[in-house]
Every structure is written in C-alpha cells, then in structure tokens.
Amino acid sequence: SVVVSVLAWSMFFRFRTGVSTIKKAIANLANGKLDTKIEGNNLDTEFLAVAQFFNEMTDSLRESTVTKQELEEEVRRQTEQLQQKQEQLIFLSEHDHLTNIMNRRAFDSHLESAIINANRTQCKLALFFIDLDKFKEVNDTYGHDAGDAILVSVAERLKQAVRETDFVGRIGGDEFVVCLDHLNDFKIVTRKAKQLIEAINEPISLNGRAFSVGASIGVSYYPDQTQSKDSLLSVADEAMYRAKQLKRSACLDSESTYCRVVSDSVV
C-alpha cells in the first residue's frame, strides 16, 4: 500500500507539473509572447509530445504572425512615407519644376491672399511683371541647357533681391512676377525695379561661357489702380509690353498709372 501510494503521488505530482507547464505556456502565448517555449526536462512522455507540438506551433506563428510592436513600427513607417509624399506633392503642385519658385497657380493664390490682407490692413501692393530680353535668342543659339541655367539663375537672384514679406513666381517661359507686399507707400518701387534690373544684368556663367540678359519690367499698383487680382496682373503685363517696345529706361513716379523700366540685353 505504501509503495502504491508513493507511486500514485509521484504520478499525480508529475501530471500536475506537466499540466501546469502546458497551462503557463498557453497563457503566455495568449498574451502575445510568441517566443514561448516548453522545456521538456521534467515532463512525462505524453507531455513531451504535447510540448513538441506546442513548440512547433509557436515557431510557425513567429514566422507567419506580425507582432503588435512590429505592426506599430510598420504603421509609423508607412505614415511617415505618406507624409513625405504628401509634402512632395504639395511642393510640386505649388512650385515651378525648373526654378523651384512659385508657379502661376500658387502665385495667384498668394496674390489673392495678399490683396485680402492689404484691404484689411490698409496696406498697399506693387506687382512687377518681368520679361527677359533676348532670351529666345540665347535659348535657340546655345541650347536649352543655357536657357534653363539663365532661368534658374534669374529666379534665385529675384528671390535674393526681395524682402521676406515679398514673393516671386514664374508664370511661364521667361516671364516672372514679383509682388512687393505690406507697403505703406510706393516710394520703394522705383529703387526696387532698378535693383531687379541690375541683379538680372549680372553675367551668368555656364560651361566657361558668360551670358548676360536684361529685362523689361511693368508695374501695377494696389489699390491705386485696381483692386482686382486679374486686373492687377493685366495692367502690369501691359506696362511690361509698353516698356519692351520703348527699349529705354523710363520709370514714372509712384503716383502715375504704371511704371516702366527697360534694360537692353547683351549676350
């Protein structure tokens, strides 16, 4: 009886140990611990078979299951990529692909906002419409690389020549626009127009060759001339063409209907 009792208790103890080990392993797996393993050192043969099956199952799960941490990391990575792509798309939609300054759509939007703000704060705006002189001749003679280099250089010089409150755009071809924002009066306009002409006239180097181009500039004023965005662009465009035809420097004072500045181009 004693021997039988000892054997029975030993079997019961080993059985309870095996059940406890299996139960604990299943609980860990249920909590997401896919690296759970059952060590079979103290288990009976029957439990060893279960342990082996359990370990094979967790190995398979680790290979085929994404953990919560891995999923969160992947979601974060994908979110960052989407944000970067969104920022890139926004930038591309608002900037000229060659010069990286505002394209026409973005410039129109900024100009409209500037007009609304000027109307609210009783400030003034001056709009420069700039067309490069003899750009087509340079582009046709020396190729598109030379033409692109000129456009990029002119765009950079225009950005450097204006204040932080002003903004610059390219509306197509060799035509640029500059808006002088937050003005109390138009005294700065004539000086700024000459500064832009001088900046554009500086030689541009490409492959050991120096190019110099000039520009014709037309200016329109808000609100003295018009309070319409489209009309403001139209008046400046018309003034630029008149300036181009005159082929001389002639800048009227800020109280006139428009300002014209012409500079000859030299290649």
Protein backbone atom coordinates (compact mmCIF):
# COMPACT_ATOMS: atom_id res chain seq x y z
CA SER A 1 0.00 0.00 0.00
CA VAL A 2 2.85 2.34 0.86
CA VAL A 3 4.59 1.62 -2.43
CA VAL A 4 1.38 2.07 -4.39
CA SER A 5 0.64 5.33 -2.56
CA VAL A 6 4.14 6.68 -3.29
CA LEU A 7 3.84 5.77 -6.97
CA ALA A 8 0.37 7.35 -7.14
CA TRP A 9 1.55 10.60 -5.54
CA SER A 10 4.60 10.65 -7.81
CA MET A 11 2.42 10.19 -10.88
CA PHE A 12 -0.01 12.83 -9.65
CA PHE A 13 2.81 15.29 -8.95
CA ARG A 14 4.39 14.76 -12.39
CA PHE A 15 0.97 15.04 -14.03
CA ARG A 16 0.23 18.28 -12.18
CA THR A 17 3.69 19.65 -13.13
CA GLY A 18 3.08 18.81 -16.77
CA VAL A 19 -0.39 20.36 -16.77
CA SER A 20 0.92 23.49 -15.02
CA THR A 21 3.77 23.84 -17.53
CA ILE A 22 1.46 23.45 -20.53
CA LYS A 23 -1.10 25.85 -18.99
CA LYS A 24 1.54 28.50 -18.32
CA ALA A 25 2.90 28.23 -21.86
CA ILE A 26 -0.59 28.58 -23.35
CA ALA A 27 -1.24 31.65 -21.15
CA ASN A 28 2.00 33.30 -22.33
CA LEU A 29 1.07 32.58 -25.94
CA ALA A 30 -2.37 34.07 -25.40
CA ASN A 31 -0.68 37.26 -24.11
CA GLY A 32 1.25 37.61 -27.36
CA LYS A 33 4.57 36.08 -26.32
CA LEU A 34 5.30 34.20 -29.49
CA ASP A 35 8.78 33.21 -28.31
CA THR A 36 7.30 30.96 -25.61
CA LYS A 37 8.98 27.54 -25.41
CA ILE A 38 8.22 24.47 -23.28
CA GLU A 39 11.26 22.80 -21.79
CA GLY A 40 10.65 19.06 -21.50
CA ASN A 41 13.29 18.10 -18.96
CA ASN A 42 10.82 17.22 -16.17
CA LEU A 43 7.87 16.15 -18.30
CA ASP A 44 6.47 12.70 -18.94
CA THR A 45 6.48 11.19 -22.39
CA GLU A 46 2.86 12.16 -23.03
CA PHE A 47 3.53 15.79 -22.15
CA LEU A 48 6.74 15.78 -24.19
CA ALA A 49 4.69 15.07 -27.30
CA VAL A 50 2.38 17.98 -26.46
CA ALA A 51 5.38 20.22 -25.73
CA GLN A 52 6.99 19.36 -29.05
CA PHE A 53 3.76 20.13 -30.91
CA PHE A 54 3.42 23.40 -28.97
CA ASN A 55 6.97 24.49 -29.77
CA GLU A 56 6.49 23.72 -33.47
CA MET A 57 3.28 25.75 -33.42
CA THR A 58 4.96 28.81 -31.83
CA ASP A 59 7.81 28.59 -34.36
CA SER A 60 5.27 28.65 -37.16
CA LEU A 61 3.39 31.53 -35.57
CA ARG A 62 6.56 33.60 -35.22
CA GLU A 63 7.28 33.15 -38.91
CA SER A 64 3.76 33.99 -40.07
CA THR A 65 2.46 36.45 -37.45
CA VAL A 66 3.26 40.15 -37.13
CA THR A 67 3.65 41.24 -33.52
CA LYS A 68 1.95 44.34 -32.16
CA GLN A 69 5.28 46.15 -31.94
CA GLU A 70 6.20 45.21 -35.50
CA LEU A 71 2.77 46.31 -36.70
CA GLU A 72 3.04 49.67 -34.89
CA GLU A 73 6.50 50.19 -36.34
CA GLU A 74 5.30 49.41 -39.85
CA VAL A 75 2.30 51.73 -39.46
CA ARG A 76 4.62 54.51 -38.26
CA ARG A 77 7.00 53.95 -41.18
CA GLN A 78 4.19 53.92 -43.73
CA THR A 79 2.68 57.06 -42.18
CA GLU A 80 6.00 58.91 -42.41
CA GLN A 81 6.37 57.88 -46.05
CA LEU A 82 2.85 59.07 -46.85
CA GLN A 83 3.51 62.40 -45.13
CA GLN A 84 6.73 62.85 -47.08
CA LYS A 85 4.99 62.04 -50.35
CA GLN A 86 2.15 64.40 -49.47
CA GLU A 87 4.63 67.20 -48.74
CA GLN A 88 6.42 66.48 -52.01
CA LEU A 89 3.15 66.56 -53.96
CA ILE A 90 2.13 69.82 -52.30
CA PHE A 91 5.54 71.33 -53.09
CA LEU A 92 5.41 70.14 -56.71
CA SER A 93 1.87 71.44 -57.13
CA GLU A 94 2.87 74.91 -55.92
CA HIS A 95 6.37 75.33 -57.38
CA ASP A 96 7.81 75.63 -60.83
CA HIS A 97 9.57 72.38 -61.72
CA LEU A 98 12.71 74.12 -63.02
CA THR A 99 13.31 77.12 -60.76
CA ASN A 100 11.56 75.93 -57.56
CA ILE A 101 9.85 79.28 -57.13
CA MET A 102 6.05 79.61 -57.13
CA ASN A 103 4.21 78.53 -60.26
CA ARG A 104 1.31 80.55 -61.63
CA ARG A 105 -1.37 78.79 -59.61
CA ALA A 106 0.46 79.27 -56.33
CA PHE A 107 1.35 82.88 -57.15
CA ASP A 108 -2.28 83.68 -57.97
CA SER A 109 -3.34 82.19 -54.64
CA HIS A 110 -0.72 84.15 -52.69
CA LEU A 111 -1.57 87.35 -54.55
CA GLU A 112 -5.25 86.93 -53.77
CA SER A 113 -4.43 86.41 -50.08
CA ALA A 114 -2.12 89.44 -50.12
CA ILE A 115 -4.89 91.60 -51.61
CA ILE A 116 -7.35 90.47 -48.92
CA ASN A 117 -4.79 91.23 -46.21
CA ALA A 118 -3.90 94.61 -47.74
CA ASN A 119 -7.58 95.54 -47.88
CA ARG A 120 -7.96 94.63 -44.21
CA THR A 121 -4.80 96.40 -43.01
CA GLN A 122 -5.00 99.37 -45.40
CA CYS A 123 -1.59 98.48 -46.87
CA LYS A 124 -0.53 98.70 -50.50
CA LEU A 125 0.91 96.26 -53.06
CA ALA A 126 3.15 96.68 -56.08
CA LEU A 127 3.28 93.98 -58.74
CA PHE A 128 6.25 93.60 -61.12
CA PHE A 129 5.72 91.74 -64.39
CA ILE A 130 9.17 90.79 -65.75
CA ASP A 131 10.06 89.51 -69.21
CA LEU A 132 13.66 88.66 -70.12
CA ASP A 133 15.06 90.41 -73.18
CA LYS A 134 16.53 88.28 -76.00
CA PHE A 135 16.08 85.08 -74.00
CA LYS A 136 14.77 83.25 -77.08
CA GLU A 137 17.95 84.09 -79.00
CA VAL A 138 20.14 82.66 -76.23
CA ASN A 139 17.96 79.57 -75.93
CA ASP A 140 17.94 78.94 -79.68
CA THR A 141 21.65 79.67 -80.16
CA TYR A 142 23.20 77.90 -77.19
CA GLY A 143 20.54 75.30 -76.41
CA HIS A 144 18.06 74.57 -73.65
CA ASP A 145 20.78 73.98 -71.07
CA ALA A 146 21.87 77.59 -71.38
CA GLY A 147 18.26 78.74 -71.33
CA ASP A 148 17.47 76.69 -68.22
CA ALA A 149 20.59 77.97 -66.46
CA ILE A 150 19.51 81.54 -67.13
CA LEU A 151 16.00 80.93 -65.80
CA VAL A 152 17.29 79.24 -62.64
CA SER A 153 19.83 81.99 -62.02
CA VAL A 154 17.30 84.78 -62.60
CA ALA A 155 14.80 83.13 -60.25
CA GLU A 156 17.43 82.84 -57.50
CA ARG A 157 18.50 86.46 -57.95
CA LEU A 158 14.92 87.68 -57.76
CA LYS A 159 14.38 85.78 -54.51
CA GLN A 160 17.54 87.27 -53.02
CA ALA A 161 16.63 90.79 -54.11
CA VAL A 162 13.25 90.99 -52.35
CA ARG A 163 12.20 91.09 -48.71
CA GLU A 164 10.89 88.13 -46.73
CA THR A 165 7.36 89.54 -46.96
CA ASP A 166 7.53 89.67 -50.77
CA PHE A 167 7.08 86.69 -53.06
CA VAL A 168 8.31 85.65 -56.52
CA GLY A 169 6.80 83.41 -59.19
CA ARG A 170 7.38 82.15 -62.70
CA ILE A 171 4.23 82.15 -64.78
CA GLY A 172 5.67 80.56 -67.90
CA GLY A 173 8.55 80.75 -70.37
CA ASP A 174 10.84 83.63 -69.44
CA GLU A 175 8.16 85.61 -67.62
CA PHE A 176 8.43 86.23 -63.87
CA VAL A 177 6.28 88.11 -61.39
CA VAL A 178 7.25 89.75 -58.11
CA CYS A 179 4.84 91.11 -55.53
CA LEU A 180 6.01 93.75 -53.04
CA ASP A 181 3.73 93.16 -50.08
CA HIS A 182 2.91 95.21 -46.95
CA LEU A 183 3.80 98.61 -48.44
CA ASN A 184 2.84 101.88 -46.74
CA ASP A 185 3.57 103.81 -49.94
CA PHE A 186 5.17 103.28 -53.34
CA LYS A 187 8.46 105.11 -52.74
CA ILE A 188 10.42 101.86 -52.80
CA VAL A 189 9.07 100.73 -56.18
CA THR A 190 11.41 102.66 -58.50
CA ARG A 191 14.50 101.71 -56.48
CA LYS A 192 13.42 98.07 -56.29
CA ALA A 193 12.79 97.93 -60.06
CA LYS A 194 16.30 99.21 -60.76
CA GLN A 195 17.72 96.73 -58.23
CA LEU A 196 15.99 93.86 -60.01
CA ILE A 197 17.28 95.03 -63.38
CA GLU A 198 20.82 95.23 -62.03
CA ALA A 199 20.54 91.75 -60.49
CA ILE A 200 19.30 90.24 -63.76
CA ASN A 201 22.03 92.04 -65.75
CA GLU A 202 24.83 90.32 -63.80
CA PRO A 203 26.67 87.78 -66.04
CA ILE A 204 25.62 84.14 -65.77
CA SER A 205 28.38 81.55 -66.18
CA LEU A 206 27.80 78.18 -67.83
CA ASN A 207 30.49 75.81 -69.15
CA GLY A 208 33.10 78.55 -69.28
CA ARG A 209 30.82 80.95 -71.14
CA ALA A 210 29.28 84.11 -69.64
CA PHE A 211 25.77 85.16 -70.55
CA SER A 212 24.13 88.48 -69.76
CA VAL A 213 20.43 89.15 -70.21
CA GLY A 214 18.33 92.17 -69.45
CA ALA A 215 14.66 92.51 -68.70
CA SER A 216 11.62 94.64 -69.32
CA ILE A 217 9.52 95.34 -66.26
CA GLY A 218 5.98 96.58 -65.93
CA VAL A 219 4.48 97.61 -62.60
CA SER A 220 0.93 97.90 -61.33
CA TYR A 221 -0.33 99.26 -58.03
CA TYR A 222 -2.92 98.15 -55.49
CA PRO A 223 -5.28 99.76 -54.63
CA ASP A 224 -4.44 102.91 -56.59
CA GLN A 225 -5.05 101.33 -59.99
CA THR A 226 -7.29 98.37 -59.31
CA GLN A 227 -8.49 96.08 -56.54
CA SER A 228 -8.83 93.03 -58.78
CA LYS A 229 -6.13 90.35 -58.89
CA ASP A 230 -6.62 89.63 -62.59
CA SER A 231 -6.67 93.32 -63.44
CA LEU A 232 -3.53 93.90 -61.40
CA LEU A 233 -1.70 91.24 -63.44
CA SER A 234 -3.15 92.55 -66.68
CA VAL A 235 -2.09 96.15 -66.03
CA ALA A 236 1.44 95.07 -65.10
CA ASP A 237 1.62 92.84 -68.19
CA GLU A 238 0.51 95.71 -70.43
CA ALA A 239 3.06 98.05 -68.82
CA MET A 240 5.79 95.48 -69.43
CA TYR A 241 4.98 95.24 -73.13
CA ARG A 242 4.98 99.01 -73.44
CA ALA A 243 8.35 99.09 -71.69
CA LYS A 244 9.69 96.43 -74.05
CA GLN A 245 8.62 98.48 -77.02
CA LEU A 246 10.20 101.66 -75.71
CA LYS A 247 13.64 99.99 -75.30
CA ARG A 248 14.85 102.61 -72.90
CA SER A 249 14.81 103.25 -69.16
CA ALA A 250 11.74 105.19 -68.16
CA CYS A 251 10.24 104.84 -64.71
CA LEU A 252 7.40 107.20 -63.86
CA ASP A 253 6.80 108.21 -60.26
CA SER A 254 4.61 106.11 -57.94
CA GLU A 255 1.54 108.27 -58.48
CA SER A 256 1.42 107.50 -62.21
CA THR A 257 -0.81 104.84 -63.72
CA TYR A 258 2.09 102.48 -64.25
CA CYS A 259 5.85 102.20 -64.01
CA ARG A 260 8.10 101.14 -66.91
CA VAL A 261 11.70 100.05 -66.69
CA VAL A 262 13.66 98.81 -69.70
CA SER A 263 17.20 97.47 -69.87
CA ASP A 264 19.00 96.39 -73.05
CA SER A 265 20.20 92.78 -73.16
CA VAL A 266 23.72 91.80 -74.11
CA VAL A 267 24.76 88.23 -74.97
